[in-house]
Amino acid sequence: MFFHEGLPLPADRVECTSMLTLRNLLVSTDVIAALPMFIAVDDRELRILPTPLSSIRRSVGVTRPKDRMPSPAASALLVHLREVGAQLAEFERDYESSEGAGRG
């Protein structure tokens, strides 16, 4: 994100992969974090800052053997992942279109 915007990394930064730890840091200190909006959108103690982060878009994929078909359970999981992915994309579009109304 910083590289994409031509900015140096902050001197004081924390790298964290635990959402619980990150949330605790956010509500108990003066830090900010770039994280999926789905983490903060319904959290009354967090506020989404109106900052576009277009460089953070990510694709998600599934790796499977090329020489065999997925099992029925794996096929069902793939269908479910596609459905949920579509729902999340719609939720994000709806949220972005209503962002002008303000939050919190």
Protein backbone atom coordinates (compact mmCIF):
# COMPACT_ATOMS: atom_id res chain seq x y z
CA MET A 1 0.00 0.00 0.00
CA PHE A 2 2.71 2.49 0.97
CA PHE A 3 4.90 1.51 -1.98
CA HIS A 4 1.94 1.86 -4.37
CA GLU A 5 1.32 5.40 -3.09
CA GLY A 6 5.03 6.32 -3.19
CA LEU A 7 5.25 6.67 0.59
CA PRO A 8 7.87 5.33 3.02
CA LEU A 9 6.83 2.74 5.59
CA PRO A 10 5.93 4.23 8.97
CA ALA A 11 8.81 4.08 11.46
CA ASP A 12 6.54 2.71 14.18
CA ARG A 13 4.44 -0.11 12.80
CA VAL A 14 2.98 -3.38 14.01
CA GLU A 15 2.48 -6.41 11.81
CA CYS A 16 -0.26 -8.66 13.13
CA THR A 17 -2.10 -11.66 11.69
CA SER A 18 -4.51 -12.12 14.60
CA MET A 19 -7.77 -10.24 14.08
CA LEU A 20 -8.52 -10.41 17.82
CA THR A 21 -5.17 -8.87 18.71
CA LEU A 22 -5.52 -6.26 15.99
CA ARG A 23 -9.02 -5.32 17.15
CA ASN A 24 -7.75 -4.97 20.72
CA LEU A 25 -4.96 -2.66 19.52
CA LEU A 26 -7.47 -0.59 17.55
CA VAL A 27 -9.88 -0.05 20.44
CA SER A 28 -7.27 0.43 23.18
CA THR A 29 -4.58 2.54 21.47
CA ASP A 30 -4.28 5.26 18.85
CA VAL A 31 -3.32 2.95 15.96
CA ILE A 32 -5.07 2.60 12.63
CA ALA A 33 -5.11 -0.46 10.40
CA ALA A 34 -5.99 -1.47 6.87
CA LEU A 35 -8.21 -4.52 7.12
CA PRO A 36 -11.22 -5.99 5.37
CA MET A 37 -14.24 -3.75 5.85
CA PHE A 38 -16.27 -6.79 6.89
CA ILE A 39 -14.29 -6.84 10.13
CA ALA A 40 -15.28 -3.31 11.12
CA VAL A 41 -18.60 -2.58 9.46
CA ASP A 42 -20.75 -3.96 12.31
CA ASP A 43 -18.33 -3.25 15.17
CA ARG A 44 -19.63 -0.32 17.24
CA GLU A 45 -16.18 0.36 18.69
CA LEU A 46 -14.45 0.73 15.32
CA ARG A 47 -14.89 3.39 12.67
CA ILE A 48 -14.16 3.03 8.98
CA LEU A 49 -12.09 5.96 7.73
CA PRO A 50 -13.13 7.39 4.34
CA THR A 51 -9.78 6.53 2.72
CA PRO A 52 -9.70 4.73 -0.62
CA LEU A 53 -7.31 1.77 -0.58
CA SER A 54 -7.52 0.67 -4.20
CA SER A 55 -4.07 -0.94 -4.07
CA ILE A 56 -5.26 -3.56 -1.56
CA ARG A 57 -7.71 -5.48 -3.76
CA ARG A 58 -6.97 -9.20 -3.72
CA SER A 59 -8.13 -12.18 -5.67
CA VAL A 60 -8.74 -15.47 -3.93
CA GLY A 61 -8.28 -18.79 -5.63
CA VAL A 62 -8.49 -22.51 -5.03
CA THR A 63 -5.71 -24.94 -5.94
CA ARG A 64 -6.65 -28.48 -6.83
CA PRO A 65 -5.10 -31.39 -8.74
CA LYS A 66 -5.43 -30.95 -12.51
CA ASP A 67 -5.71 -34.67 -13.23
CA ARG A 68 -8.89 -35.41 -11.27
CA MET A 69 -12.29 -33.94 -10.59
CA PRO A 70 -13.11 -32.62 -7.12
CA SER A 71 -15.09 -34.89 -4.82
CA PRO A 72 -18.80 -34.16 -4.34
CA ALA A 73 -17.98 -32.47 -1.00
CA ALA A 74 -15.25 -30.34 -2.60
CA SER A 75 -17.59 -29.40 -5.45
CA ALA A 76 -20.24 -28.33 -2.94
CA LEU A 77 -17.64 -26.26 -1.09
CA LEU A 78 -16.57 -24.54 -4.34
CA VAL A 79 -20.21 -23.69 -5.14
CA HIS A 80 -20.65 -22.27 -1.65
CA LEU A 81 -17.42 -20.22 -1.89
CA ARG A 82 -18.58 -18.71 -5.19
CA GLU A 83 -21.98 -17.83 -3.71
CA VAL A 84 -20.50 -16.23 -0.60
CA GLY A 85 -17.90 -14.39 -2.70
CA ALA A 86 -20.69 -12.93 -4.83
CA GLN A 87 -22.61 -11.92 -1.69
CA LEU A 88 -19.53 -10.22 -0.23
CA ALA A 89 -18.86 -8.36 -3.48
CA GLU A 90 -22.48 -7.15 -3.53
CA PHE A 91 -22.25 -6.11 0.12
CA GLU A 92 -19.08 -4.14 -0.61
CA ARG A 93 -20.69 -2.40 -3.61
CA ASP A 94 -23.77 -1.53 -1.52
CA TYR A 95 -21.61 -0.22 1.32
CA GLU A 96 -19.48 1.89 -1.01
CA SER A 97 -22.56 3.37 -2.68
CA SER A 98 -24.09 4.29 0.69
CA GLU A 99 -20.80 5.58 2.17
CA GLY A 100 -21.76 9.15 1.31
CA ALA A 101 -24.53 8.97 3.91
CA GLY A 102 -21.89 8.85 6.67
CA ARG A 103 -21.23 6.40 9.45
CA GLY A 104 -21.13 6.31 13.23
